[in-house]
N, C-alpha and C. Protein backbone atom coordinates (compact mmCIF):
# COMPACT_ATOMS: atom_id res chain seq x y z
N UNK A 1 99.27 89.91 98.32
CA UNK A 1 99.68 90.14 99.70
C UNK A 1 101.15 89.81 99.90
N UNK A 2 101.64 88.79 99.26
CA UNK A 2 103.03 88.39 99.46
C UNK A 2 104.00 89.37 98.79
N UNK A 3 103.59 90.01 97.71
CA UNK A 3 104.48 90.93 97.01
C UNK A 3 104.92 92.08 97.89
N UNK A 4 104.07 92.49 98.80
CA UNK A 4 104.42 93.63 99.65
C UNK A 4 105.65 93.33 100.50
N UNK A 5 105.87 92.06 100.81
CA UNK A 5 107.04 91.70 101.61
C UNK A 5 108.33 91.95 100.84
N UNK A 6 108.26 92.03 99.52
CA UNK A 6 109.45 92.28 98.72
C UNK A 6 109.81 93.76 98.65
N UNK A 7 108.82 94.62 98.46
CA UNK A 7 109.14 96.03 98.26
C UNK A 7 108.92 96.91 99.49
N UNK A 8 108.26 96.42 100.51
CA UNK A 8 107.98 97.25 101.69
C UNK A 8 109.23 97.74 102.41
N UNK A 9 110.28 96.93 102.56
CA UNK A 9 111.47 97.46 103.25
C UNK A 9 112.05 98.70 102.59
N UNK A 10 112.13 98.71 101.28
CA UNK A 10 112.66 99.89 100.58
C UNK A 10 111.78 101.11 100.72
N UNK A 11 110.48 100.90 100.63
CA UNK A 11 109.55 102.02 100.77
C UNK A 11 109.60 102.59 102.19
N UNK A 12 109.59 101.71 103.19
CA UNK A 12 109.65 102.19 104.57
C UNK A 12 110.94 102.91 104.86
N UNK A 13 112.04 102.40 104.32
CA UNK A 13 113.33 103.06 104.51
C UNK A 13 113.28 104.47 103.95
N UNK A 14 112.74 104.61 102.76
CA UNK A 14 112.65 105.93 102.12
C UNK A 14 111.74 106.86 102.90
N UNK A 15 110.60 106.36 103.37
CA UNK A 15 109.67 107.20 104.14
C UNK A 15 110.30 107.64 105.46
N UNK A 16 110.92 106.71 106.17
CA UNK A 16 111.54 107.06 107.45
C UNK A 16 112.68 108.05 107.24
N UNK A 17 113.45 107.86 106.18
CA UNK A 17 114.58 108.75 105.94
C UNK A 17 114.13 110.14 105.51
N UNK A 18 113.02 110.25 104.82
CA UNK A 18 112.57 111.56 104.35
C UNK A 18 111.55 112.22 105.27
N UNK A 19 110.64 111.44 105.86
CA UNK A 19 109.55 112.03 106.63
C UNK A 19 109.60 111.70 108.12
N UNK A 20 110.34 110.67 108.52
CA UNK A 20 110.46 110.35 109.93
C UNK A 20 109.81 109.03 110.31
N UNK A 21 110.15 108.59 111.52
CA UNK A 21 109.67 107.32 112.04
C UNK A 21 108.16 107.31 112.24
N UNK A 22 107.61 108.40 112.78
CA UNK A 22 106.16 108.47 113.00
C UNK A 22 105.40 108.36 111.67
N UNK A 23 105.90 109.05 110.65
CA UNK A 23 105.26 108.96 109.33
C UNK A 23 105.36 107.54 108.79
N UNK A 24 106.50 106.88 109.00
CA UNK A 24 106.66 105.50 108.56
C UNK A 24 105.68 104.58 109.25
N UNK A 25 105.50 104.75 110.56
CA UNK A 25 104.52 103.94 111.28
C UNK A 25 103.10 104.24 110.82
N UNK A 26 102.85 105.49 110.50
CA UNK A 26 101.53 105.85 109.96
C UNK A 26 101.26 105.18 108.63
N UNK A 27 102.28 105.11 107.79
CA UNK A 27 102.11 104.44 106.50
C UNK A 27 101.89 102.94 106.69
N UNK A 28 102.58 102.34 107.65
CA UNK A 28 102.36 100.92 107.94
C UNK A 28 100.92 100.70 108.39
N UNK A 29 100.43 101.57 109.26
CA UNK A 29 99.05 101.45 109.74
C UNK A 29 98.06 101.60 108.58
N UNK A 30 98.34 102.50 107.67
CA UNK A 30 97.47 102.69 106.50
C UNK A 30 97.45 101.43 105.62
N UNK A 31 98.60 100.86 105.37
CA UNK A 31 98.69 99.65 104.54
C UNK A 31 97.94 98.50 105.21
N UNK A 32 98.15 98.33 106.52
CA UNK A 32 97.46 97.26 107.25
C UNK A 32 95.95 97.50 107.25
N UNK A 33 95.53 98.74 107.41
CA UNK A 33 94.10 99.06 107.40
C UNK A 33 93.46 98.76 106.05
N UNK A 34 94.12 99.15 104.98
CA UNK A 34 93.57 98.88 103.64
C UNK A 34 93.53 97.37 103.39
N UNK A 35 94.59 96.67 103.77
CA UNK A 35 94.60 95.22 103.60
C UNK A 35 93.49 94.56 104.42
N UNK A 36 93.25 95.09 105.61
CA UNK A 36 92.17 94.56 106.44
C UNK A 36 90.80 94.78 105.82
N UNK A 37 90.59 95.96 105.24
CA UNK A 37 89.31 96.23 104.56
C UNK A 37 89.12 95.33 103.35
N UNK A 38 90.17 95.13 102.59
CA UNK A 38 90.08 94.27 101.42
C UNK A 38 89.86 92.80 101.81
N UNK A 39 90.33 92.43 102.98
CA UNK A 39 90.22 91.04 103.44
C UNK A 39 88.89 90.75 104.11
N UNK A 40 88.11 91.78 104.45
CA UNK A 40 86.86 91.56 105.18
C UNK A 40 85.92 90.51 104.58
N UNK A 41 85.66 90.52 103.28
CA UNK A 41 84.76 89.49 102.74
C UNK A 41 85.30 88.07 102.97
N UNK A 42 86.60 87.91 102.85
CA UNK A 42 87.20 86.59 103.05
C UNK A 42 87.23 86.22 104.52
N UNK A 43 87.50 87.22 105.36
CA UNK A 43 87.52 86.97 106.81
C UNK A 43 86.14 86.61 107.33
N UNK A 44 85.11 87.20 106.75
CA UNK A 44 83.74 86.88 107.17
C UNK A 44 83.33 85.47 106.73
N UNK A 45 83.76 85.06 105.55
CA UNK A 45 83.35 83.76 105.02
C UNK A 45 84.22 82.62 105.55
N UNK A 46 85.54 82.79 105.53
CA UNK A 46 86.47 81.72 105.91
C UNK A 46 87.62 82.29 106.75
N UNK A 47 87.35 82.72 107.97
CA UNK A 47 88.39 83.40 108.75
C UNK A 47 89.61 82.52 109.05
N UNK A 48 89.38 81.30 109.46
CA UNK A 48 90.51 80.43 109.83
C UNK A 48 91.39 80.14 108.61
N UNK A 49 90.76 79.80 107.49
CA UNK A 49 91.50 79.47 106.29
C UNK A 49 92.28 80.69 105.77
N UNK A 50 91.62 81.86 105.80
CA UNK A 50 92.28 83.06 105.30
C UNK A 50 93.50 83.40 106.14
N UNK A 51 93.33 83.42 107.45
CA UNK A 51 94.44 83.80 108.32
C UNK A 51 95.59 82.80 108.29
N UNK A 52 95.28 81.53 108.10
CA UNK A 52 96.35 80.53 108.08
C UNK A 52 97.07 80.46 106.73
N UNK A 53 96.43 80.93 105.66
CA UNK A 53 97.04 80.82 104.33
C UNK A 53 97.41 82.14 103.67
N UNK A 54 97.03 83.27 104.24
CA UNK A 54 97.28 84.54 103.58
C UNK A 54 98.76 84.83 103.40
N UNK A 55 99.55 84.55 104.40
CA UNK A 55 101.00 84.77 104.32
C UNK A 55 101.73 83.47 104.61
N UNK A 56 101.38 82.42 103.89
CA UNK A 56 101.98 81.11 104.07
C UNK A 56 103.35 81.11 103.40
N UNK A 57 104.40 81.36 104.17
CA UNK A 57 105.75 81.45 103.62
C UNK A 57 106.35 80.08 103.29
N UNK A 58 105.70 79.01 103.72
CA UNK A 58 106.26 77.67 103.47
C UNK A 58 105.65 77.00 102.24
N UNK A 59 104.72 77.65 101.58
CA UNK A 59 104.11 77.02 100.42
C UNK A 59 105.08 76.98 99.24
N UNK A 60 104.88 76.04 98.37
CA UNK A 60 105.70 75.87 97.18
C UNK A 60 104.92 76.40 95.99
N UNK A 61 105.55 77.25 95.21
CA UNK A 61 104.89 77.81 94.03
C UNK A 61 104.99 76.81 92.88
N UNK A 62 103.97 76.80 92.05
CA UNK A 62 103.91 75.86 90.94
C UNK A 62 104.77 76.35 89.78
N UNK A 63 105.53 75.44 89.23
CA UNK A 63 106.42 75.77 88.11
C UNK A 63 105.65 76.25 86.90
N UNK A 64 104.44 75.69 86.69
CA UNK A 64 103.68 76.05 85.48
C UNK A 64 103.25 77.52 85.48
N UNK A 65 103.26 78.19 86.65
CA UNK A 65 102.84 79.59 86.72
C UNK A 65 104.00 80.57 86.64
N UNK A 66 105.23 80.07 86.67
CA UNK A 66 106.36 80.99 86.65
C UNK A 66 106.61 81.50 85.24
N UNK A 67 107.02 82.75 85.16
CA UNK A 67 107.40 83.35 83.89
C UNK A 67 108.88 83.68 83.91
N UNK A 68 109.33 84.29 85.00
CA UNK A 68 110.70 84.76 85.09
C UNK A 68 111.72 83.66 85.32
N UNK A 69 111.30 82.52 85.81
CA UNK A 69 112.26 81.46 86.15
C UNK A 69 112.13 80.25 85.25
N UNK A 70 111.63 80.39 84.05
CA UNK A 70 111.48 79.28 83.11
C UNK A 70 112.82 78.65 82.72
N UNK A 71 113.89 79.43 82.77
CA UNK A 71 115.20 78.90 82.37
C UNK A 71 115.77 77.94 83.42
N UNK A 72 115.18 77.92 84.61
CA UNK A 72 115.62 77.02 85.68
C UNK A 72 114.84 75.71 85.55
N UNK A 73 115.52 74.57 85.63
CA UNK A 73 114.80 73.30 85.57
C UNK A 73 113.76 73.18 86.69
N UNK A 74 112.67 72.48 86.41
CA UNK A 74 111.56 72.40 87.37
C UNK A 74 111.99 71.84 88.71
N UNK A 75 112.83 70.81 88.72
CA UNK A 75 113.24 70.22 90.00
C UNK A 75 114.07 71.19 90.84
N UNK A 76 114.83 72.06 90.17
CA UNK A 76 115.57 73.09 90.90
C UNK A 76 114.61 74.14 91.43
N UNK A 77 113.68 74.58 90.57
CA UNK A 77 112.71 75.61 90.95
C UNK A 77 111.89 75.19 92.17
N UNK A 78 111.53 73.92 92.26
CA UNK A 78 110.69 73.42 93.34
C UNK A 78 111.47 73.07 94.60
N UNK A 79 112.80 73.13 94.56
CA UNK A 79 113.60 72.72 95.71
C UNK A 79 113.60 73.80 96.80
N UNK A 80 113.70 73.35 98.03
CA UNK A 80 113.76 74.27 99.17
C UNK A 80 115.03 75.10 99.13
N UNK A 81 116.11 74.53 98.65
CA UNK A 81 117.37 75.27 98.56
C UNK A 81 117.28 76.46 97.63
N UNK A 82 116.58 76.30 96.51
CA UNK A 82 116.41 77.41 95.57
C UNK A 82 115.60 78.53 96.20
N UNK A 83 114.53 78.17 96.89
CA UNK A 83 113.69 79.17 97.55
C UNK A 83 114.47 79.93 98.61
N UNK A 84 115.25 79.20 99.40
CA UNK A 84 116.05 79.84 100.46
C UNK A 84 117.15 80.72 99.87
N UNK A 85 117.72 80.28 98.75
CA UNK A 85 118.77 81.10 98.14
C UNK A 85 118.18 82.38 97.55
N UNK A 86 116.98 82.32 96.97
CA UNK A 86 116.34 83.54 96.48
C UNK A 86 116.06 84.52 97.62
N UNK A 87 115.60 84.00 98.75
CA UNK A 87 115.36 84.85 99.92
C UNK A 87 116.66 85.46 100.43
N UNK A 88 117.72 84.66 100.47
CA UNK A 88 119.02 85.16 100.94
C UNK A 88 119.55 86.25 100.02
N UNK A 89 119.42 86.06 98.71
CA UNK A 89 119.88 87.08 97.75
C UNK A 89 119.06 88.36 97.92
N UNK A 90 117.76 88.22 98.14
CA UNK A 90 116.91 89.39 98.32
C UNK A 90 117.34 90.18 99.56
N UNK A 91 117.55 89.50 100.68
CA UNK A 91 117.97 90.16 101.91
C UNK A 91 119.35 90.80 101.72
N UNK A 92 120.26 90.09 101.06
CA UNK A 92 121.59 90.62 100.79
C UNK A 92 121.51 91.92 99.97
N UNK A 93 120.70 91.91 98.92
CA UNK A 93 120.56 93.11 98.09
C UNK A 93 119.91 94.26 98.85
N UNK A 94 118.96 93.96 99.73
CA UNK A 94 118.39 95.02 100.57
C UNK A 94 119.47 95.66 101.44
N UNK A 95 120.33 94.83 102.01
CA UNK A 95 121.42 95.34 102.85
C UNK A 95 122.41 96.17 102.04
N UNK A 96 122.80 95.67 100.87
CA UNK A 96 123.75 96.40 100.02
C UNK A 96 123.21 97.76 99.63
N UNK A 97 121.96 97.80 99.16
CA UNK A 97 121.39 99.07 98.76
C UNK A 97 121.12 99.97 99.96
N UNK A 98 120.74 99.39 101.10
CA UNK A 98 120.56 100.18 102.31
C UNK A 98 121.85 100.85 102.73
N UNK A 99 122.95 100.12 102.65
CA UNK A 99 124.25 100.70 102.99
C UNK A 99 124.63 101.81 102.01
N UNK A 100 124.36 101.58 100.73
CA UNK A 100 124.68 102.58 99.71
C UNK A 100 123.86 103.85 99.92
N UNK A 101 122.56 103.68 100.18
CA UNK A 101 121.69 104.84 100.34
C UNK A 101 122.01 105.64 101.59
N UNK A 102 122.59 105.00 102.60
CA UNK A 102 122.89 105.69 103.85
C UNK A 102 124.24 106.39 103.83
N UNK A 103 125.08 106.12 102.86
CA UNK A 103 126.41 106.73 102.81
C UNK A 103 126.38 108.25 102.83
N UNK A 104 125.54 108.91 102.04
CA UNK A 104 125.54 110.39 102.07
C UNK A 104 125.09 110.95 103.42
N UNK A 105 124.42 110.15 104.23
CA UNK A 105 123.92 110.60 105.53
C UNK A 105 124.79 110.15 106.69
N UNK A 106 125.99 109.65 106.39
CA UNK A 106 126.91 109.27 107.45
C UNK A 106 126.92 107.79 107.78
N UNK A 107 126.12 106.99 107.13
CA UNK A 107 126.10 105.55 107.38
C UNK A 107 124.78 105.09 108.00
N UNK A 108 124.67 103.78 108.12
CA UNK A 108 123.43 103.17 108.60
C UNK A 108 123.14 103.54 110.04
N UNK A 109 124.13 103.42 110.92
CA UNK A 109 123.88 103.63 112.34
C UNK A 109 123.53 105.08 112.67
N UNK A 110 124.18 106.09 112.08
CA UNK A 110 123.72 107.46 112.31
C UNK A 110 122.29 107.70 111.82
N UNK A 111 121.91 107.09 110.70
CA UNK A 111 120.54 107.25 110.20
C UNK A 111 119.56 106.64 111.19
N UNK A 112 119.87 105.45 111.71
CA UNK A 112 118.99 104.81 112.70
C UNK A 112 118.93 105.64 113.97
N UNK A 113 120.07 106.15 114.44
CA UNK A 113 120.09 106.99 115.64
C UNK A 113 119.23 108.23 115.47
N UNK A 114 119.36 108.89 114.31
CA UNK A 114 118.54 110.09 114.05
C UNK A 114 117.06 109.75 113.96
N UNK A 115 116.72 108.60 113.37
CA UNK A 115 115.31 108.20 113.25
C UNK A 115 114.72 107.96 114.64
N UNK A 116 115.50 107.40 115.55
CA UNK A 116 114.99 107.15 116.90
C UNK A 116 115.01 108.39 117.78
N UNK A 117 115.98 109.28 117.57
CA UNK A 117 116.07 110.47 118.42
C UNK A 117 115.12 111.58 118.00
N UNK A 118 114.78 111.66 116.73
CA UNK A 118 113.80 112.64 116.25
C UNK A 118 112.79 111.97 115.33
N UNK A 119 111.88 111.19 115.92
CA UNK A 119 110.95 110.39 115.12
C UNK A 119 109.93 111.20 114.32
N UNK A 120 109.77 112.49 114.65
CA UNK A 120 108.78 113.28 113.91
C UNK A 120 109.37 113.89 112.64
N UNK A 121 110.68 113.84 112.47
CA UNK A 121 111.31 114.40 111.28
C UNK A 121 112.11 113.35 110.55
N UNK A 122 112.56 113.68 109.37
CA UNK A 122 113.34 112.74 108.58
C UNK A 122 114.68 112.46 109.20
N UNK A 123 115.20 111.27 108.96
CA UNK A 123 116.49 110.88 109.54
C UNK A 123 117.63 111.10 108.58
N UNK A 124 117.32 111.52 107.36
CA UNK A 124 118.37 111.78 106.38
C UNK A 124 118.91 113.18 106.52
N UNK A 125 120.17 113.36 106.12
CA UNK A 125 120.80 114.68 106.12
C UNK A 125 120.86 115.19 104.69
N UNK A 126 121.31 114.31 103.80
CA UNK A 126 121.41 114.67 102.38
C UNK A 126 120.04 114.54 101.73
N UNK A 127 119.74 115.37 100.75
CA UNK A 127 118.45 115.23 100.05
C UNK A 127 118.38 113.91 99.29
N UNK A 128 117.21 113.30 99.28
CA UNK A 128 117.01 112.04 98.55
C UNK A 128 116.82 112.35 97.08
N UNK A 129 117.40 111.48 96.25
CA UNK A 129 117.20 111.62 94.81
C UNK A 129 116.91 110.24 94.23
N UNK A 130 116.57 110.18 92.98
CA UNK A 130 116.25 108.91 92.34
C UNK A 130 117.48 108.17 91.87
N UNK A 131 118.67 108.71 92.09
CA UNK A 131 119.92 108.06 91.66
C UNK A 131 120.23 106.83 92.45
């Protein structure tokens, strides 16, 4: 469940830019619906616990389970500063790539204006590519 918070902004940006705001909202509804169906057994058995812990952004991950961050000392990995810096870098990179992807379409604000003014169609002008 938490992984979706990492890649969802990029996917939604691409959907809104190619298919429009309404399509993007439809995809969000689909993701939420599927997640709700998958959560039903847990919600039926332990609703309070599930809802309070499903997206617990304040929890600390255990060092013994990390694979990608083994080169970082355990005390650094477990620190709040390290977690906040990872989040800040992630948001920064989303902004950098968002700005780059919007350049062929006139920039971020024209893309947002087009998405809001014609929500049933794509907000991009240039064709999207994998580059």
